[in-house]
Amino acid sequence: MSEIDALKVQLESLQSEALAAFAAAENPAALQQLRVHYLGKKGALTEVLKGVGRLPPEARPVIGQYVNDTKAVLAGALERGEAELAVRAKAIRIQAERIDITLPGRKAAAGGLHPVQQGLDEMTEIFSQMGFAIAEGPEIEDEFHNFDALNIPPEHPARAMHDTFFIKDMLNEAGTEPMLLRTHTSPVQIRAMKRFLSESGEPPLAVVAPGRVYRCDYDVTHSPMFHQVEVFKVDRNVSMAHLKGVLRHFLSAYFEKDVGIRLRPHYFPFTEPSAEVDISCVFCASKGCRICKGSGWIEVLGSGMIHPNVLRAVGIDSSEFSGFAFGLGVERLVMLKQGIPDLRLFFENDVRFLRKMGGTR
């Protein structure tokens, strides 16, 4: 066999081998490796071309044509292979990304109101239905609205640093009194009465004031930040009977059943006479447990007739008008209604607890 014939056979064998390899390539990366192997500068076709130099000059154009033809066939096969692999990859991607529009959509997890906010809304709604107007006030207060106007004397323990969060170096508008985080929502009572008198002249007025309050306290039934609802009414001839009637209606409406209620004489600087309000323990049905400390009763709020000094502080004639007021802790009532043993659960943000309480779904 002549040297030209040997090179032709070698080129035909190389072409057949390369075409088979191109057809078997499964991805563009494998096809690119085959391109380098067969058509690269150090590829198989280049190795064949090294034998052309040994041929007579008159034979070289003939074998050169065979080489060019082989190179053209392989290049065309590579282009077709790349196009086919691109089509195949696109089909696979489309299938993977295919959306069946007949399937129901995926619902995003929906949140909900925190159990404390749910309770706050329920309580406020009950009082609104009873004719009490909703009022709000600032959480950063001065001593006049938080203490002085509420007949709380300077030596009262509530005004001590260990009970109240005072704001360092922050004074009121007059630059004389330190500011603090309000310890109850009762300051709204003072602000609401002053605002009402400036607008309407004189009572009657009935107000419910929900909001956050702050005290230096933390255990299973107390938190340094909690929620309170202040409720008060001022008019002619308002008595303890009206107070008891409002309390009984509210507690029955909130717990959605009749609950035992009792008023115990107590002392509050801003009410006279004053009373602690207890309800029958909803955890043990008044048999005695850890929550009620074995008494069968649970204290839920403080109440009383608005002290004449408080009325005078806002310019209301205490000889002509009287009123009742009470403040309740929202977390405590929610705990009682929902059977929650530890107030700290409200603030730990355990999703399992919140889901159980209906806060998230």
Protein backbone atom coordinates (compact mmCIF):
# COMPACT_ATOMS: atom_id res chain seq x y z
CA MET A 1 0.00 0.00 0.00
CA SER A 2 1.35 3.40 -0.96
CA GLU A 3 1.96 6.09 1.64
CA ILE A 4 -0.95 8.20 0.21
CA ASP A 5 -3.33 5.25 0.50
CA ALA A 6 -2.18 4.66 4.08
CA LEU A 7 -2.90 8.29 5.01
CA LYS A 8 -6.34 8.12 3.34
CA VAL A 9 -7.18 5.00 5.37
CA GLN A 10 -5.95 6.72 8.54
CA LEU A 11 -8.13 9.80 7.82
CA GLU A 12 -11.20 7.67 7.09
CA SER A 13 -10.68 5.75 10.34
CA LEU A 14 -10.22 8.99 12.28
CA GLN A 15 -13.39 10.46 10.76
CA SER A 16 -15.47 7.40 11.61
CA GLU A 17 -14.12 7.32 15.16
CA ALA A 18 -14.75 11.04 15.69
CA LEU A 19 -18.30 10.96 14.28
CA ALA A 20 -19.18 8.07 16.59
CA ALA A 21 -17.72 9.94 19.57
CA PHE A 22 -19.60 13.12 18.66
CA ALA A 23 -22.89 11.22 18.45
CA ALA A 24 -22.31 9.67 21.88
CA ALA A 25 -21.57 12.98 23.64
CA GLU A 26 -24.21 13.65 26.34
CA ASN A 27 -23.58 17.33 27.03
CA PRO A 28 -21.90 20.42 25.52
CA ALA A 29 -18.88 20.07 27.83
CA ALA A 30 -18.16 16.53 26.59
CA LEU A 31 -18.55 17.69 22.99
CA GLN A 32 -16.09 20.51 23.57
CA GLN A 33 -13.52 18.06 24.92
CA LEU A 34 -13.93 15.96 21.75
CA ARG A 35 -13.42 19.06 19.59
CA VAL A 36 -10.07 19.68 21.31
CA HIS A 37 -9.12 16.00 21.07
CA TYR A 38 -9.75 15.72 17.32
CA LEU A 39 -9.43 19.25 15.92
CA GLY A 40 -7.20 21.01 18.45
CA LYS A 41 -3.63 22.18 17.80
CA LYS A 42 -2.34 18.97 19.36
CA GLY A 43 -5.34 16.89 18.29
CA ALA A 44 -5.58 13.65 16.31
CA LEU A 45 -6.01 15.39 12.93
CA THR A 46 -2.85 17.41 13.52
CA GLU A 47 -0.94 14.18 14.16
CA VAL A 48 -2.09 12.82 10.79
CA LEU A 49 -0.95 16.00 9.05
CA LYS A 50 2.59 15.39 10.28
CA GLY A 51 2.83 12.49 7.81
CA VAL A 52 2.09 14.74 4.83
CA GLY A 53 5.62 16.14 4.95
CA ARG A 54 7.04 12.75 4.02
CA LEU A 55 5.05 12.63 0.73
CA PRO A 56 6.43 13.68 -2.65
CA PRO A 57 5.57 17.30 -3.54
CA GLU A 58 3.17 16.24 -6.30
CA ALA A 59 1.17 14.03 -3.84
CA ARG A 60 0.76 16.60 -1.14
CA PRO A 61 -2.16 18.56 -2.76
CA VAL A 62 -4.12 15.33 -3.10
CA ILE A 63 -3.80 14.31 0.53
CA GLY A 64 -4.29 17.96 1.59
CA GLN A 65 -7.71 17.90 -0.04
CA TYR A 66 -8.58 14.72 1.92
CA VAL A 67 -7.51 16.42 5.16
CA ASN A 68 -9.63 19.52 4.45
CA ASP A 69 -12.63 17.38 3.56
CA THR A 70 -12.24 15.37 6.78
CA LYS A 71 -11.88 18.57 8.82
CA ALA A 72 -15.03 20.03 7.21
CA VAL A 73 -17.03 16.87 7.93
CA LEU A 74 -15.96 16.85 11.58
CA ALA A 75 -16.63 20.59 12.02
CA GLY A 76 -20.12 20.19 10.55
CA ALA A 77 -20.81 17.20 12.78
CA LEU A 78 -19.73 19.24 15.81
CA GLU A 79 -22.08 22.12 14.92
CA ARG A 80 -24.99 19.75 14.47
CA GLY A 81 -24.14 18.00 17.72
CA GLU A 82 -24.02 21.30 19.61
CA ALA A 83 -27.38 22.33 18.17
CA GLU A 84 -28.97 18.99 19.07
CA LEU A 85 -27.60 19.11 22.62
CA ALA A 86 -28.88 22.68 23.04
CA VAL A 87 -32.36 21.61 21.89
CA ARG A 88 -32.25 18.59 24.23
CA ALA A 89 -31.10 20.72 27.19
CA LYS A 90 -33.86 23.26 26.52
CA ALA A 91 -36.47 20.50 26.42
CA ILE A 92 -35.21 19.09 29.72
CA ARG A 93 -35.26 22.55 31.33
CA ILE A 94 -38.75 23.28 30.06
CA GLN A 95 -39.98 19.97 31.42
CA ALA A 96 -38.33 20.63 34.79
CA GLU A 97 -39.79 24.13 34.97
CA ARG A 98 -43.18 23.10 33.67
CA ILE A 99 -46.10 24.43 35.70
CA ASP A 100 -49.39 22.64 35.74
CA ILE A 101 -51.82 25.56 35.82
CA THR A 102 -54.66 23.19 36.67
CA LEU A 103 -53.13 22.47 40.10
CA PRO A 104 -54.26 24.59 43.07
CA GLY A 105 -51.83 27.35 43.97
CA ARG A 106 -49.48 27.11 46.91
CA LYS A 107 -50.82 29.22 49.75
CA ALA A 108 -48.34 31.38 51.61
CA ALA A 109 -48.30 30.93 55.36
CA ALA A 110 -50.55 33.60 56.81
CA GLY A 111 -49.83 35.31 60.10
CA GLY A 112 -52.31 36.68 62.57
CA LEU A 113 -52.70 38.92 65.57
CA HIS A 114 -50.68 38.18 68.68
CA PRO A 115 -52.89 36.68 71.43
CA VAL A 116 -52.37 39.78 73.57
CA GLN A 117 -53.51 42.03 70.72
CA GLN A 118 -56.50 39.76 70.15
CA GLY A 119 -57.46 40.12 73.80
CA LEU A 120 -56.90 43.87 73.73
CA ASP A 121 -59.17 44.23 70.71
CA GLU A 122 -61.88 42.06 72.30
CA MET A 123 -61.88 44.08 75.53
CA THR A 124 -61.88 47.43 73.75
CA GLU A 125 -64.77 46.30 71.55
CA ILE A 126 -66.87 45.30 74.57
CA PHE A 127 -66.42 48.71 76.18
CA SER A 128 -67.06 50.47 72.87
CA GLN A 129 -70.38 48.65 72.63
CA MET A 130 -71.18 49.91 76.14
CA GLY A 131 -70.70 53.51 74.97
CA PHE A 132 -67.12 54.18 76.09
CA ALA A 133 -65.03 56.29 73.71
CA ILE A 134 -61.51 55.09 72.91
CA ALA A 135 -58.64 57.38 73.93
CA GLU A 136 -54.86 57.07 73.74
CA GLY A 137 -51.92 58.89 75.25
CA PRO A 138 -48.11 59.01 75.14
CA GLU A 139 -46.05 56.18 76.60
CA ILE A 140 -43.37 58.64 77.75
CA GLU A 141 -45.01 60.72 80.47
CA ASP A 142 -44.16 63.43 82.96
CA GLU A 143 -44.61 63.09 86.71
CA PHE A 144 -47.64 65.38 86.79
CA HIS A 145 -49.82 63.19 84.55
CA ASN A 146 -48.43 59.88 85.81
CA PHE A 147 -48.38 60.69 89.55
CA ASP A 148 -49.30 64.18 90.77
CA ALA A 149 -52.66 64.58 89.03
CA LEU A 150 -53.61 61.07 90.17
CA ASN A 151 -53.14 62.00 93.84
CA ILE A 152 -50.00 59.89 94.20
CA PRO A 153 -47.81 61.64 96.82
CA PRO A 154 -44.05 62.17 96.36
CA GLU A 155 -43.21 59.56 99.01
CA HIS A 156 -45.31 56.81 97.35
CA PRO A 157 -43.27 53.63 96.59
CA ALA A 158 -44.45 53.62 92.95
CA ARG A 159 -42.35 56.75 92.37
CA ALA A 160 -39.13 55.01 93.42
CA MET A 161 -36.44 54.12 90.91
CA HIS A 162 -36.81 50.39 91.60
CA ASP A 163 -40.47 50.46 90.52
CA THR A 164 -40.49 53.01 87.69
CA PHE A 165 -38.39 53.40 84.53
CA PHE A 166 -37.21 57.01 84.64
CA ILE A 167 -35.56 58.35 81.47
CA LYS A 168 -32.16 59.75 82.32
CA ASP A 169 -31.52 63.42 81.44
CA MET A 170 -34.98 63.81 79.82
CA LEU A 171 -37.13 66.61 81.26
CA ASN A 172 -40.62 67.85 80.49
CA GLU A 173 -41.34 70.92 78.36
CA ALA A 174 -40.82 73.21 81.34
CA GLY A 175 -37.44 71.60 81.93
CA THR A 176 -38.23 70.86 85.58
CA GLU A 177 -39.71 67.35 85.87
CA PRO A 178 -38.03 64.08 84.84
CA MET A 179 -39.78 62.00 82.19
CA LEU A 180 -40.60 58.33 82.61
CA LEU A 181 -42.22 55.35 80.93
CA ARG A 182 -45.81 55.43 82.13
CA THR A 183 -46.55 52.90 84.84
CA HIS A 184 -50.27 52.68 84.02
CA THR A 185 -52.75 53.98 81.48
CA SER A 186 -54.33 56.24 84.11
CA PRO A 187 -52.49 59.32 82.75
CA VAL A 188 -54.78 59.02 79.73
CA GLN A 189 -57.66 59.58 82.17
CA ILE A 190 -56.18 62.95 83.12
CA ARG A 191 -55.45 63.95 79.53
CA ALA A 192 -58.86 62.82 78.28
CA MET A 193 -60.75 64.70 81.00
CA LYS A 194 -58.77 67.91 80.39
CA ARG A 195 -59.26 67.65 76.64
CA PHE A 196 -62.99 66.91 77.01
CA LEU A 197 -63.53 69.86 79.33
CA SER A 198 -61.75 72.22 76.94
CA GLU A 199 -63.95 71.02 74.08
CA SER A 200 -67.31 70.33 75.74
CA GLY A 201 -67.27 72.28 79.00
CA GLU A 202 -68.44 69.61 81.43
CA PRO A 203 -69.22 65.86 81.79
CA PRO A 204 -70.73 63.34 81.13
CA LEU A 205 -67.86 61.42 79.59
CA ALA A 206 -67.00 57.72 79.42
CA VAL A 207 -63.60 56.58 78.15
CA VAL A 208 -61.64 53.36 77.59
CA ALA A 209 -57.88 53.79 77.21
CA PRO A 210 -55.87 50.73 76.04
CA GLY A 211 -52.10 50.72 75.75
CA ARG A 212 -48.64 49.55 76.84
CA VAL A 213 -47.27 50.30 80.31
CA TYR A 214 -43.92 49.66 82.02
CA ARG A 215 -42.81 48.58 85.49
CA CYS A 216 -39.70 47.03 87.02
CA ASP A 217 -41.12 43.55 87.52
CA TYR A 218 -40.73 40.10 85.95
CA ASP A 219 -42.06 36.68 87.00
CA VAL A 220 -44.75 34.17 85.95
CA THR A 221 -47.50 36.79 86.33
CA HIS A 222 -45.60 40.06 85.75
CA SER A 223 -43.60 41.57 82.91
CA PRO A 224 -41.60 44.83 82.67
CA MET A 225 -43.74 45.75 79.67
CA PHE A 226 -47.39 44.77 79.59
CA HIS A 227 -50.76 46.03 78.40
CA GLN A 228 -53.46 47.71 80.41
CA VAL A 229 -56.93 49.03 79.79
CA GLU A 230 -58.10 52.06 81.80
CA VAL A 231 -61.85 52.58 81.99
CA PHE A 232 -63.62 55.52 83.63
CA LYS A 233 -66.89 57.38 83.61
CA VAL A 234 -67.71 60.83 85.05
CA ASP A 235 -71.22 62.21 85.42
CA ARG A 236 -73.72 63.32 87.99
CA ASN A 237 -74.69 60.72 90.62
CA VAL A 238 -72.26 58.01 89.44
CA SER A 239 -71.92 55.39 92.20
CA MET A 240 -70.25 52.10 93.11
CA ALA A 241 -73.40 50.38 91.83
CA HIS A 242 -72.63 51.65 88.33
CA LEU A 243 -69.05 50.45 88.69
CA LYS A 244 -70.13 46.98 89.76
CA GLY A 245 -72.67 46.76 86.95
CA VAL A 246 -70.10 47.67 84.29
CA LEU A 247 -67.59 45.19 85.75
CA ARG A 248 -70.10 42.36 85.87
CA HIS A 249 -71.22 42.99 82.29
CA PHE A 250 -67.67 43.26 80.97
CA LEU A 251 -66.32 40.15 82.72
CA SER A 252 -69.31 38.05 81.65
CA ALA A 253 -69.01 39.28 78.06
CA TYR A 254 -65.25 38.68 77.89
CA PHE A 255 -65.27 35.19 79.44
CA GLU A 256 -68.50 34.37 77.57
CA LYS A 257 -70.09 32.98 80.72
CA ASP A 258 -71.18 34.10 84.16
CA VAL A 259 -68.19 34.27 86.50
CA GLY A 260 -68.15 34.79 90.23
CA ILE A 261 -67.09 38.32 91.18
CA ARG A 262 -66.30 40.00 94.48
CA LEU A 263 -65.08 43.44 95.49
CA ARG A 264 -62.65 43.70 98.41
CA PRO A 265 -61.92 47.02 100.13
CA HIS A 266 -58.50 48.31 99.19
CA TYR A 267 -56.46 51.50 98.95
CA PHE A 268 -55.47 53.35 95.78
CA PRO A 269 -54.36 56.99 95.87
CA PHE A 270 -56.54 57.92 92.89
CA THR A 271 -59.84 56.34 94.01
CA GLU A 272 -61.92 56.59 97.20
CA PRO A 273 -63.52 54.27 98.12
CA SER A 274 -61.33 51.67 96.37
CA ALA A 275 -61.78 47.96 95.76
CA GLU A 276 -59.82 45.02 94.38
CA VAL A 277 -61.92 42.93 92.01
CA ASP A 278 -61.60 39.14 92.13
CA ILE A 279 -63.16 36.48 89.94
CA SER A 280 -63.62 32.81 90.67
CA CYS A 281 -60.56 30.84 89.52
CA VAL A 282 -61.11 29.55 86.00
CA PHE A 283 -58.23 27.07 86.30
CA CYS A 284 -59.56 25.02 89.21
CA ALA A 285 -63.25 26.03 89.35
CA SER A 286 -62.57 27.73 92.72
CA LYS A 287 -61.22 24.52 94.31
CA GLY A 288 -57.75 25.98 94.90
CA CYS A 289 -54.60 25.68 92.78
CA ARG A 290 -51.12 27.18 92.26
CA ILE A 291 -52.48 30.04 90.16
CA CYS A 292 -55.05 31.19 92.71
CA LYS A 293 -52.74 30.20 95.61
CA GLY A 294 -55.37 27.88 97.00
CA SER A 295 -57.96 30.61 97.59
CA GLY A 296 -60.28 29.84 94.67
CA TRP A 297 -60.21 33.52 93.69
CA ILE A 298 -57.95 35.48 91.35
CA GLU A 299 -57.38 39.21 91.53
CA VAL A 300 -57.97 40.74 88.11
CA LEU A 301 -58.07 44.51 88.55
CA GLY A 302 -58.24 47.50 90.85
CA SER A 303 -61.18 49.86 90.89
CA GLY A 304 -63.01 52.55 92.82
CA MET A 305 -64.66 55.93 92.73
CA ILE A 306 -62.44 58.64 91.27
CA HIS A 307 -60.83 60.58 94.13
CA PRO A 308 -62.10 64.18 94.47
CA ASN A 309 -58.49 65.41 94.25
CA VAL A 310 -58.17 63.83 90.79
CA LEU A 311 -61.34 65.56 89.61
CA ARG A 312 -60.13 68.87 91.00
CA ALA A 313 -56.73 68.43 89.29
CA VAL A 314 -58.46 68.63 85.89
CA GLY A 315 -60.99 71.30 86.86
CA ILE A 316 -64.11 69.19 87.52
CA ASP A 317 -66.34 70.21 90.43
CA SER A 318 -66.26 67.15 92.73
CA SER A 319 -69.30 68.43 94.65
CA GLU A 320 -71.42 68.17 91.50
CA PHE A 321 -69.83 65.30 89.57
CA SER A 322 -68.51 61.89 90.52
CA GLY A 323 -67.01 59.02 88.62
CA PHE A 324 -65.66 55.51 88.75
CA ALA A 325 -62.43 54.14 87.29
CA PHE A 326 -60.67 50.81 87.00
CA GLY A 327 -57.62 49.43 85.29
CA LEU A 328 -57.12 45.85 84.13
CA GLY A 329 -54.08 43.92 82.94
CA VAL A 330 -54.72 42.54 79.47
CA GLU A 331 -52.21 39.67 79.73
CA ARG A 332 -53.71 38.47 82.99
CA LEU A 333 -57.24 38.26 81.60
CA VAL A 334 -56.01 36.55 78.40
CA MET A 335 -54.16 34.02 80.57
CA LEU A 336 -57.32 33.29 82.52
CA LYS A 337 -59.52 33.00 79.45
CA GLN A 338 -57.10 30.83 77.45
CA GLY A 339 -55.74 28.76 80.35
CA ILE A 340 -52.14 29.99 79.99
CA PRO A 341 -50.09 29.33 83.17
CA ASP A 342 -47.08 31.59 82.54
CA LEU A 343 -47.23 35.20 81.35
CA ARG A 344 -43.70 34.96 79.91
CA LEU A 345 -45.00 32.77 77.09
CA PHE A 346 -46.46 35.90 75.50
CA PHE A 347 -43.01 37.42 75.01
CA GLU A 348 -40.83 34.39 74.18
CA ASN A 349 -42.16 34.23 70.59
CA ASP A 350 -42.34 30.44 70.51
CA VAL A 351 -44.07 29.78 67.18
CA ARG A 352 -45.62 26.57 68.54
CA PHE A 353 -47.36 28.56 71.27
CA LEU A 354 -48.46 31.30 68.87
CA ARG A 355 -49.89 28.76 66.42
CA LYS A 356 -51.79 27.05 69.21
CA MET A 357 -53.18 30.41 70.28
CA GLY A 358 -54.23 31.24 66.73
CA GLY A 359 -51.59 33.94 66.24
CA THR A 360 -50.14 32.23 63.12
CA ARG A 361 -51.47 29.61 60.75
